[in-house]
Amino acid sequence: GKLIGENTDGKGFLKSLRELTDPRGKNIVVLGAGGASR
């Protein structure tokens, strides 16, 4: 009965990335600082 806010932008990217590699322990560079990057 309650509306709970989630953010699936990053979750969708993470699920896709895990098809190639586990990001745990990785050095990662992200281009941009907008909403998707956040």
PDB file of all heavy atoms in Angstrom:
ATOM      1  N   GLY A   1       0.778  -1.223   0.000  1.00  0.00           N
ATOM      2  CA  GLY A   1       0.000   0.000   0.000  1.00  0.00           C
ATOM      3  C   GLY A   1       0.813   1.277   0.000  1.00  0.00           C
ATOM      4  O   GLY A   1       0.235   2.371   0.032  1.00  0.00           O
ATOM      5  N   LYS A   2       2.142   1.175  -0.030  1.00  0.00           N
ATOM      6  CA  LYS A   2       3.003   2.350  -0.027  1.00  0.00           C
ATOM      7  C   LYS A   2       3.806   2.429  -1.318  1.00  0.00           C
ATOM      8  O   LYS A   2       4.254   1.404  -1.833  1.00  0.00           O
ATOM      9  CB  LYS A   2       3.954   2.312   1.172  1.00  0.00           C
ATOM     10  CG  LYS A   2       3.243   2.379   2.517  1.00  0.00           C
ATOM     11  CD  LYS A   2       4.248   2.369   3.663  1.00  0.00           C
ATOM     12  CE  LYS A   2       3.544   2.483   5.002  1.00  0.00           C
ATOM     13  NZ  LYS A   2       4.515   2.501   6.130  1.00  0.00           N
ATOM     14  N   LEU A   3       3.991   3.640  -1.821  1.00  0.00           N
ATOM     15  CA  LEU A   3       4.813   3.849  -3.001  1.00  0.00           C
ATOM     16  C   LEU A   3       6.254   4.099  -2.566  1.00  0.00           C
ATOM     17  O   LEU A   3       6.548   5.093  -1.907  1.00  0.00           O
ATOM     18  CB  LEU A   3       4.298   5.031  -3.819  1.00  0.00           C
ATOM     19  CG  LEU A   3       3.131   4.754  -4.761  1.00  0.00           C
ATOM     20  CD1 LEU A   3       2.644   6.059  -5.389  1.00  0.00           C
ATOM     21  CD2 LEU A   3       3.514   3.749  -5.846  1.00  0.00           C
ATOM     22  N   ILE A   4       7.142   3.180  -2.949  1.00  0.00           N
ATOM     23  CA  ILE A   4       8.549   3.250  -2.582  1.00  0.00           C
ATOM     24  C   ILE A   4       9.372   3.607  -3.813  1.00  0.00           C
ATOM     25  O   ILE A   4       9.208   3.002  -4.878  1.00  0.00           O
ATOM     26  CB  ILE A   4       9.039   1.913  -1.998  1.00  0.00           C
ATOM     27  CG1 ILE A   4       8.159   1.491  -0.820  1.00  0.00           C
ATOM     28  CG2 ILE A   4      10.507   2.002  -1.587  1.00  0.00           C
ATOM     29  CD1 ILE A   4       8.121   2.479   0.331  1.00  0.00           C
ATOM     30  N   GLY A   5      10.245   4.572  -3.661  1.00  0.00           N
ATOM     31  CA  GLY A   5      11.070   5.022  -4.768  1.00  0.00           C
ATOM     32  C   GLY A   5      12.356   4.221  -4.892  1.00  0.00           C
ATOM     33  O   GLY A   5      13.084   4.042  -3.922  1.00  0.00           O
ATOM     34  N   GLU A   6      12.628   3.742  -6.097  1.00  0.00           N
ATOM     35  CA  GLU A   6      13.869   3.036  -6.405  1.00  0.00           C
ATOM     36  C   GLU A   6      14.551   3.746  -7.569  1.00  0.00           C
ATOM     37  O   GLU A   6      13.958   4.596  -8.222  1.00  0.00           O
ATOM     38  CB  GLU A   6      13.585   1.573  -6.790  1.00  0.00           C
ATOM     39  CG  GLU A   6      12.930   0.731  -5.716  1.00  0.00           C
ATOM     40  CD  GLU A   6      13.903   0.269  -4.633  1.00  0.00           C
ATOM     41  OE1 GLU A   6      15.101   0.600  -4.725  1.00  0.00           O
ATOM     42  OE2 GLU A   6      13.457  -0.426  -3.713  1.00  0.00           O
ATOM     43  N   ASN A   7      15.796   3.382  -7.821  1.00  0.00           N
ATOM     44  CA  ASN A   7      16.476   3.888  -9.006  1.00  0.00           C
ATOM     45  C   ASN A   7      17.072   2.700  -9.740  1.00  0.00           C
ATOM     46  O   ASN A   7      17.993   2.060  -9.240  1.00  0.00           O
ATOM     47  CB  ASN A   7      17.564   4.897  -8.641  1.00  0.00           C
ATOM     48  CG  ASN A   7      17.993   5.698  -9.855  1.00  0.00           C
ATOM     49  OD1 ASN A   7      18.437   5.127 -10.852  1.00  0.00           O
ATOM     50  ND2 ASN A   7      17.857   7.010  -9.786  1.00  0.00           N
ATOM     51  N   THR A   8      16.521   2.403 -10.900  1.00  0.00           N
ATOM     52  CA  THR A   8      16.967   1.236 -11.661  1.00  0.00           C
ATOM     53  C   THR A   8      17.957   1.598 -12.763  1.00  0.00           C
ATOM     54  O   THR A   8      18.393   0.718 -13.499  1.00  0.00           O
ATOM     55  CB  THR A   8      15.761   0.489 -12.273  1.00  0.00           C
ATOM     56  OG1 THR A   8      15.052   1.361 -13.159  1.00  0.00           O
ATOM     57  CG2 THR A   8      14.825   0.002 -11.187  1.00  0.00           C
ATOM     58  N   ASP A   9      18.319   2.882 -12.887  1.00  0.00           N
ATOM     59  CA  ASP A   9      19.316   3.272 -13.886  1.00  0.00           C
ATOM     60  C   ASP A   9      20.633   2.533 -13.651  1.00  0.00           C
ATOM     61  O   ASP A   9      21.128   1.807 -14.504  1.00  0.00           O
ATOM     62  CB  ASP A   9      19.568   4.782 -13.836  1.00  0.00           C
ATOM     63  CG  ASP A   9      18.416   5.605 -14.375  1.00  0.00           C
ATOM     64  OD1 ASP A   9      17.742   5.129 -15.301  1.00  0.00           O
ATOM     65  OD2 ASP A   9      18.198   6.714 -13.878  1.00  0.00           O
ATOM     66  N   GLY A  10      21.196   2.736 -12.458  1.00  0.00           N
ATOM     67  CA  GLY A  10      22.462   2.088 -12.127  1.00  0.00           C
ATOM     68  C   GLY A  10      22.339   0.591 -11.995  1.00  0.00           C
ATOM     69  O   GLY A  10      23.245  -0.155 -12.361  1.00  0.00           O
ATOM     70  N   LYS A  11      21.214   0.123 -11.470  1.00  0.00           N
ATOM     71  CA  LYS A  11      20.999  -1.314 -11.315  1.00  0.00           C
ATOM     72  C   LYS A  11      20.961  -2.013 -12.673  1.00  0.00           C
ATOM     73  O   LYS A  11      21.475  -3.123 -12.832  1.00  0.00           O
ATOM     74  CB  LYS A  11      19.700  -1.579 -10.543  1.00  0.00           C
ATOM     75  CG  LYS A  11      19.770  -1.267  -9.051  1.00  0.00           C
ATOM     76  CD  LYS A  11      18.441  -1.583  -8.384  1.00  0.00           C
ATOM     77  CE  LYS A  11      18.524  -1.490  -6.856  1.00  0.00           C
ATOM     78  NZ  LYS A  11      18.818  -0.110  -6.404  1.00  0.00           N
ATOM     79  N   GLY A  12      20.335  -1.358 -13.652  1.00  0.00           N
ATOM     80  CA  GLY A  12      20.299  -1.932 -14.997  1.00  0.00           C
ATOM     81  C   GLY A  12      21.684  -2.018 -15.610  1.00  0.00           C
ATOM     82  O   GLY A  12      22.045  -3.020 -16.236  1.00  0.00           O
ATOM     83  N   PHE A  13      22.484  -0.963 -15.400  1.00  0.00           N
ATOM     84  CA  PHE A  13      23.858  -1.000 -15.904  1.00  0.00           C
ATOM     85  C   PHE A  13      24.654  -2.093 -15.214  1.00  0.00           C
ATOM     86  O   PHE A  13      25.393  -2.853 -15.866  1.00  0.00           O
ATOM     87  CB  PHE A  13      24.544   0.351 -15.687  1.00  0.00           C
ATOM     88  CG  PHE A  13      26.000   0.321 -16.068  1.00  0.00           C
ATOM     89  CD1 PHE A  13      26.377   0.432 -17.388  1.00  0.00           C
ATOM     90  CD2 PHE A  13      26.984   0.137 -15.106  1.00  0.00           C
ATOM     91  CE1 PHE A  13      27.718   0.360 -17.759  1.00  0.00           C
ATOM     92  CE2 PHE A  13      28.323   0.067 -15.462  1.00  0.00           C
ATOM     93  CZ  PHE A  13      28.690   0.180 -16.797  1.00  0.00           C
ATOM     94  N   LEU A  14      24.522  -2.190 -13.907  1.00  0.00           N
ATOM     95  CA  LEU A  14      25.279  -3.182 -13.144  1.00  0.00           C
ATOM     96  C   LEU A  14      24.945  -4.605 -13.588  1.00  0.00           C
ATOM     97  O   LEU A  14      25.840  -5.447 -13.764  1.00  0.00           O
ATOM     98  CB  LEU A  14      24.985  -3.008 -11.651  1.00  0.00           C
ATOM     99  CG  LEU A  14      25.729  -3.915 -10.688  1.00  0.00           C
ATOM    100  CD1 LEU A  14      27.230  -3.712 -10.792  1.00  0.00           C
ATOM    101  CD2 LEU A  14      25.256  -3.638  -9.250  1.00  0.00           C
ATOM    102  N   LYS A  15      23.672  -4.871 -13.803  1.00  0.00           N
ATOM    103  CA  LYS A  15      23.247  -6.202 -14.246  1.00  0.00           C
ATOM    104  C   LYS A  15      23.844  -6.521 -15.616  1.00  0.00           C
ATOM    105  O   LYS A  15      24.296  -7.649 -15.868  1.00  0.00           O
ATOM    106  CB  LYS A  15      21.720  -6.261 -14.307  1.00  0.00           C
ATOM    107  CG  LYS A  15      21.133  -7.626 -14.640  1.00  0.00           C
ATOM    108  CD  LYS A  15      19.608  -7.565 -14.571  1.00  0.00           C
ATOM    109  CE  LYS A  15      18.966  -8.886 -14.985  1.00  0.00           C
ATOM    110  NZ  LYS A  15      19.236  -9.960 -14.000  1.00  0.00           N
ATOM    111  N   SER A  16      23.890  -5.522 -16.494  1.00  0.00           N
ATOM    112  CA  SER A  16      24.485  -5.707 -17.815  1.00  0.00           C
ATOM    113  C   SER A  16      25.990  -5.940 -17.704  1.00  0.00           C
ATOM    114  O   SER A  16      26.546  -6.838 -18.351  1.00  0.00           O
ATOM    115  CB  SER A  16      24.197  -4.479 -18.684  1.00  0.00           C
ATOM    116  OG  SER A  16      24.781  -4.602 -19.955  1.00  0.00           O
ATOM    117  N   LEU A  17      26.662  -5.136 -16.887  1.00  0.00           N
ATOM    118  CA  LEU A  17      28.116  -5.260 -16.723  1.00  0.00           C
ATOM    119  C   LEU A  17      28.500  -6.635 -16.195  1.00  0.00           C
ATOM    120  O   LEU A  17      29.516  -7.217 -16.607  1.00  0.00           O
ATOM    121  CB  LEU A  17      28.621  -4.168 -15.787  1.00  0.00           C
ATOM    122  CG  LEU A  17      30.126  -4.173 -15.478  1.00  0.00           C
ATOM    123  CD1 LEU A  17      30.950  -3.960 -16.746  1.00  0.00           C
ATOM    124  CD2 LEU A  17      30.449  -3.100 -14.432  1.00  0.00           C
ATOM    125  N   ARG A  18      27.699  -7.157 -15.296  1.00  0.00           N
ATOM    126  CA  ARG A  18      28.032  -8.450 -14.678  1.00  0.00           C
ATOM    127  C   ARG A  18      27.979  -9.603 -15.675  1.00  0.00           C
ATOM    128  O   ARG A  18      28.461 -10.697 -15.365  1.00  0.00           O
ATOM    129  CB  ARG A  18      27.090  -8.714 -13.502  1.00  0.00           C
ATOM    130  CG  ARG A  18      27.518  -7.975 -12.233  1.00  0.00           C
ATOM    131  CD  ARG A  18      26.551  -8.172 -11.105  1.00  0.00           C
ATOM    132  NE  ARG A  18      27.158  -7.828  -9.823  1.00  0.00           N
ATOM    133  CZ  ARG A  18      26.462  -7.523  -8.731  1.00  0.00           C
ATOM    134  NH1 ARG A  18      25.132  -7.513  -8.773  1.00  0.00           N
ATOM    135  NH2 ARG A  18      27.085  -7.238  -7.604  1.00  0.00           N
ATOM    136  N   GLU A  19      27.408  -9.362 -16.842  1.00  0.00           N
ATOM    137  CA  GLU A  19      27.447 -10.385 -17.883  1.00  0.00           C
ATOM    138  C   GLU A  19      28.858 -10.524 -18.455  1.00  0.00           C
ATOM    139  O   GLU A  19      29.192 -11.541 -19.067  1.00  0.00           O
ATOM    140  CB  GLU A  19      26.441 -10.042 -18.988  1.00  0.00           C
ATOM    141  CG  GLU A  19      24.989 -10.069 -18.506  1.00  0.00           C
ATOM    142  CD  GLU A  19      24.008  -9.582 -19.557  1.00  0.00           C
ATOM    143  OE1 GLU A  19      24.442  -9.352 -20.712  1.00  0.00           O
ATOM    144  OE2 GLU A  19      22.817  -9.415 -19.224  1.00  0.00           O
ATOM    145  N   LEU A  20      29.695  -9.485 -18.249  1.00  0.00           N
ATOM    146  CA  LEU A  20      31.087  -9.525 -18.697  1.00  0.00           C
ATOM    147  C   LEU A  20      32.065  -9.711 -17.550  1.00  0.00           C
ATOM    148  O   LEU A  20      33.049 -10.443 -17.675  1.00  0.00           O
ATOM    149  CB  LEU A  20      31.445  -8.230 -19.439  1.00  0.00           C
ATOM    150  CG  LEU A  20      30.975  -8.062 -20.869  1.00  0.00           C
ATOM    151  CD1 LEU A  20      31.495  -6.744 -21.438  1.00  0.00           C
ATOM    152  CD2 LEU A  20      31.444  -9.221 -21.744  1.00  0.00           C
ATOM    153  N   THR A  21      31.806  -9.026 -16.431  1.00  0.00           N
ATOM    154  CA  THR A  21      32.762  -9.069 -15.327  1.00  0.00           C
ATOM    155  C   THR A  21      32.098  -8.641 -14.030  1.00  0.00           C
ATOM    156  O   THR A  21      31.077  -7.944 -14.047  1.00  0.00           O
ATOM    157  CB  THR A  21      33.965  -8.137 -15.604  1.00  0.00           C
ATOM    158  OG1 THR A  21      34.975  -8.366 -14.620  1.00  0.00           O
ATOM    159  CG2 THR A  21      33.569  -6.674 -15.567  1.00  0.00           C
ATOM    160  N   ASP A  22      32.699  -9.040 -12.918  1.00  0.00           N
ATOM    161  CA  ASP A  22      32.273  -8.579 -11.600  1.00  0.00           C
ATOM    162  C   ASP A  22      33.040  -7.291 -11.304  1.00  0.00           C
ATOM    163  O   ASP A  22      34.278  -7.290 -11.298  1.00  0.00           O
ATOM    164  CB  ASP A  22      32.592  -9.641 -10.555  1.00  0.00           C
ATOM    165  CG  ASP A  22      32.096  -9.277  -9.157  1.00  0.00           C
ATOM    166  OD1 ASP A  22      31.686  -8.109  -8.942  1.00  0.00           O
ATOM    167  OD2 ASP A  22      32.131 -10.147  -8.270  1.00  0.00           O
ATOM    168  N   PRO A  23      32.345  -6.169 -11.073  1.00  0.00           N
ATOM    169  CA  PRO A  23      33.056  -4.908 -10.828  1.00  0.00           C
ATOM    170  C   PRO A  23      33.741  -4.826  -9.467  1.00  0.00           C
ATOM    171  O   PRO A  23      34.509  -3.885  -9.219  1.00  0.00           O
ATOM    172  CB  PRO A  23      31.950  -3.853 -10.938  1.00  0.00           C
ATOM    173  CG  PRO A  23      30.694  -4.585 -10.593  1.00  0.00           C
ATOM    174  CD  PRO A  23      30.878  -5.981 -11.116  1.00  0.00           C
ATOM    175  N   ARG A  24      33.480  -5.798  -8.604  1.00  0.00           N
ATOM    176  CA  ARG A  24      34.117  -5.781  -7.289  1.00  0.00           C
ATOM    177  C   ARG A  24      35.640  -5.797  -7.449  1.00  0.00           C
ATOM    178  O   ARG A  24      36.192  -6.618  -8.191  1.00  0.00           O
ATOM    179  CB  ARG A  24      33.675  -6.991  -6.472  1.00  0.00           C
ATOM    180  CG  ARG A  24      34.227  -7.034  -5.041  1.00  0.00           C
ATOM    181  CD  ARG A  24      33.762  -8.297  -4.340  1.00  0.00           C
ATOM    182  NE  ARG A  24      32.310  -8.362  -4.282  1.00  0.00           N
ATOM    183  CZ  ARG A  24      31.574  -7.774  -3.338  1.00  0.00           C
ATOM    184  NH1 ARG A  24      32.164  -7.086  -2.377  1.00  0.00           N
ATOM    185  NH2 ARG A  24      30.261  -7.880  -3.360  1.00  0.00           N
ATOM    186  N   GLY A  25      36.299  -4.875  -6.768  1.00  0.00           N
ATOM    187  CA  GLY A  25      37.751  -4.829  -6.795  1.00  0.00           C
ATOM    188  C   GLY A  25      38.347  -4.216  -8.047  1.00  0.00           C
ATOM    189  O   GLY A  25      39.574  -4.265  -8.241  1.00  0.00           O
ATOM    190  N   LYS A  26      37.522  -3.621  -8.895  1.00  0.00           N
ATOM    191  CA  LYS A  26      38.005  -3.072 -10.165  1.00  0.00           C
ATOM    192  C   LYS A  26      38.230  -1.554 -10.058  1.00  0.00           C
ATOM    193  O   LYS A  26      37.545  -0.853  -9.313  1.00  0.00           O
ATOM    194  CB  LYS A  26      36.998  -3.344 -11.288  1.00  0.00           C
ATOM    195  CG  LYS A  26      36.715  -4.830 -11.538  1.00  0.00           C
ATOM    196  CD  LYS A  26      37.927  -5.568 -12.057  1.00  0.00           C
ATOM    197  CE  LYS A  26      37.560  -6.911 -12.663  1.00  0.00           C
ATOM    198  NZ  LYS A  26      36.863  -7.827 -11.765  1.00  0.00           N
ATOM    199  N   ASN A  27      39.193  -1.062 -10.842  1.00  0.00           N
ATOM    200  CA  ASN A  27      39.418   0.375 -11.004  1.00  0.00           C
ATOM    201  C   ASN A  27      38.568   0.857 -12.174  1.00  0.00           C
ATOM    202  O   ASN A  27      38.745   0.382 -13.298  1.00  0.00           O
ATOM    203  CB  ASN A  27      40.896   0.654 -11.278  1.00  0.00           C
ATOM    204  CG  ASN A  27      41.781   0.255 -10.117  1.00  0.00           C
ATOM    205  OD1 ASN A  27      41.498   0.581  -8.958  1.00  0.00           O
ATOM    206  ND2 ASN A  27      42.863  -0.453 -10.407  1.00  0.00           N
ATOM    207  N   ILE A  28      37.674   1.795 -11.899  1.00  0.00           N
ATOM    208  CA  ILE A  28      36.669   2.182 -12.890  1.00  0.00           C
ATOM    209  C   ILE A  28      36.721   3.679 -13.144  1.00  0.00           C
ATOM    210  O   ILE A  28      36.779   4.482 -12.204  1.00  0.00           O
ATOM    211  CB  ILE A  28      35.252   1.773 -12.418  1.00  0.00           C
ATOM    212  CG1 ILE A  28      35.219   0.266 -12.111  1.00  0.00           C
ATOM    213  CG2 ILE A  28      34.212   2.139 -13.471  1.00  0.00           C
ATOM    214  CD1 ILE A  28      33.917  -0.207 -11.505  1.00  0.00           C
ATOM    215  N   VAL A  29      36.698   4.046 -14.418  1.00  0.00           N
ATOM    216  CA  VAL A  29      36.645   5.442 -14.842  1.00  0.00           C
ATOM    217  C   VAL A  29      35.284   5.694 -15.469  1.00  0.00           C
ATOM    218  O   VAL A  29      34.850   4.929 -16.343  1.00  0.00           O
ATOM    219  CB  VAL A  29      37.759   5.763 -15.856  1.00  0.00           C
ATOM    220  CG1 VAL A  29      37.606   7.188 -16.392  1.00  0.00           C
ATOM    221  CG2 VAL A  29      39.138   5.580 -15.220  1.00  0.00           C
ATOM    222  N   VAL A  30      34.607   6.750 -15.028  1.00  0.00           N
ATOM    223  CA  VAL A  30      33.284   7.085 -15.542  1.00  0.00           C
ATOM    224  C   VAL A  30      33.328   8.476 -16.153  1.00  0.00           C
ATOM    225  O   VAL A  30      33.723   9.445 -15.493  1.00  0.00           O
ATOM    226  CB  VAL A  30      32.214   7.034 -14.426  1.00  0.00           C
ATOM    227  CG1 VAL A  30      30.834   7.377 -14.995  1.00  0.00           C
ATOM    228  CG2 VAL A  30      32.188   5.652 -13.779  1.00  0.00           C
ATOM    229  N   LEU A  31      32.940   8.575 -17.410  1.00  0.00           N
ATOM    230  CA  LEU A  31      32.899   9.851 -18.113  1.00  0.00           C
ATOM    231  C   LEU A  31      31.544  10.506 -17.896  1.00  0.00           C
ATOM    232  O   LEU A  31      30.501   9.909 -18.180  1.00  0.00           O
ATOM    233  CB  LEU A  31      33.128   9.651 -19.610  1.00  0.00           C
ATOM    234  CG  LEU A  31      34.403   8.911 -20.029  1.00  0.00           C
ATOM    235  CD1 LEU A  31      34.442   8.755 -21.545  1.00  0.00           C
ATOM    236  CD2 LEU A  31      35.647   9.644 -19.527  1.00  0.00           C
ATOM    237  N   GLY A  32      31.547  11.745 -17.388  1.00  0.00           N
ATOM    238  CA  GLY A  32      30.311  12.466 -17.140  1.00  0.00           C
ATOM    239  C   GLY A  32      29.931  12.445 -15.669  1.00  0.00           C
ATOM    240  O   GLY A  32      30.355  11.557 -14.914  1.00  0.00           O
ATOM    241  N   ALA A  33      29.142  13.441 -15.265  1.00  0.00           N
ATOM    242  CA  ALA A  33      28.724  13.540 -13.863  1.00  0.00           C
ATOM    243  C   ALA A  33      27.243  13.880 -13.740  1.00  0.00           C
ATOM    244  O   ALA A  33      26.809  14.436 -12.732  1.00  0.00           O
ATOM    245  CB  ALA A  33      29.568  14.588 -13.145  1.00  0.00           C
ATOM    246  N   GLY A  34      26.470  13.527 -14.769  1.00  0.00           N
ATOM    247  CA  GLY A  34      25.038  13.774 -14.740  1.00  0.00           C
ATOM    248  C   GLY A  34      24.278  12.680 -13.999  1.00  0.00           C
ATOM    249  O   GLY A  34      24.860  11.886 -13.253  1.00  0.00           O
ATOM    250  N   GLY A  35      22.975  12.634 -14.227  1.00  0.00           N
ATOM    251  CA  GLY A  35      22.138  11.690 -13.496  1.00  0.00           C
ATOM    252  C   GLY A  35      22.501  10.243 -13.737  1.00  0.00           C
ATOM    253  O   GLY A  35      22.512   9.434 -12.806  1.00  0.00           O
ATOM    254  N   ALA A  36      22.801   9.880 -14.982  1.00  0.00           N
ATOM    255  CA  ALA A  36      23.160   8.494 -15.280  1.00  0.00           C
ATOM    256  C   ALA A  36      24.469   8.122 -14.592  1.00  0.00           C
ATOM    257  O   ALA A  36      24.594   7.043 -14.011  1.00  0.00           O
ATOM    258  CB  ALA A  36      23.279   8.288 -16.787  1.00  0.00           C
ATOM    259  N   SER A  37      25.449   9.019 -14.658  1.00  0.00           N
ATOM    260  CA  SER A  37      26.724   8.763 -13.990  1.00  0.00           C
ATOM    261  C   SER A  37      26.531   8.607 -12.492  1.00  0.00           C
ATOM    262  O   SER A  37      27.118   7.724 -11.865  1.00  0.00           O
ATOM    263  CB  SER A  37      27.688   9.914 -14.278  1.00  0.00           C
ATOM    264  OG  SER A  37      28.893   9.756 -13.550  1.00  0.00           O
ATOM    265  N   ARG A  38      25.721   9.459 -11.913  1.00  0.00           N
ATOM    266  CA  ARG A  38      25.448   9.409 -10.469  1.00  0.00           C
ATOM    267  C   ARG A  38      24.884   8.046 -10.070  1.00  0.00           C
ATOM    268  O   ARG A  38      25.348   7.419  -9.122  1.00  0.00           O
ATOM    269  CB  ARG A  38      24.464  10.520 -10.126  1.00  0.00           C
ATOM    270  CG  ARG A  38      24.268  10.805  -8.634  1.00  0.00           C
ATOM    271  CD  ARG A  38      23.227  11.910  -8.496  1.00  0.00           C
ATOM    272  NE  ARG A  38      23.089  12.385  -7.141  1.00  0.00           N
ATOM    273  CZ  ARG A  38      23.727  13.440  -6.640  1.00  0.00           C
ATOM    274  NH1 ARG A  38      24.565  14.123  -7.411  1.00  0.00           N
ATOM    275  NH2 ARG A  38      23.529  13.819  -5.397  1.00  0.00           N
TER     276      ARG A  38
END
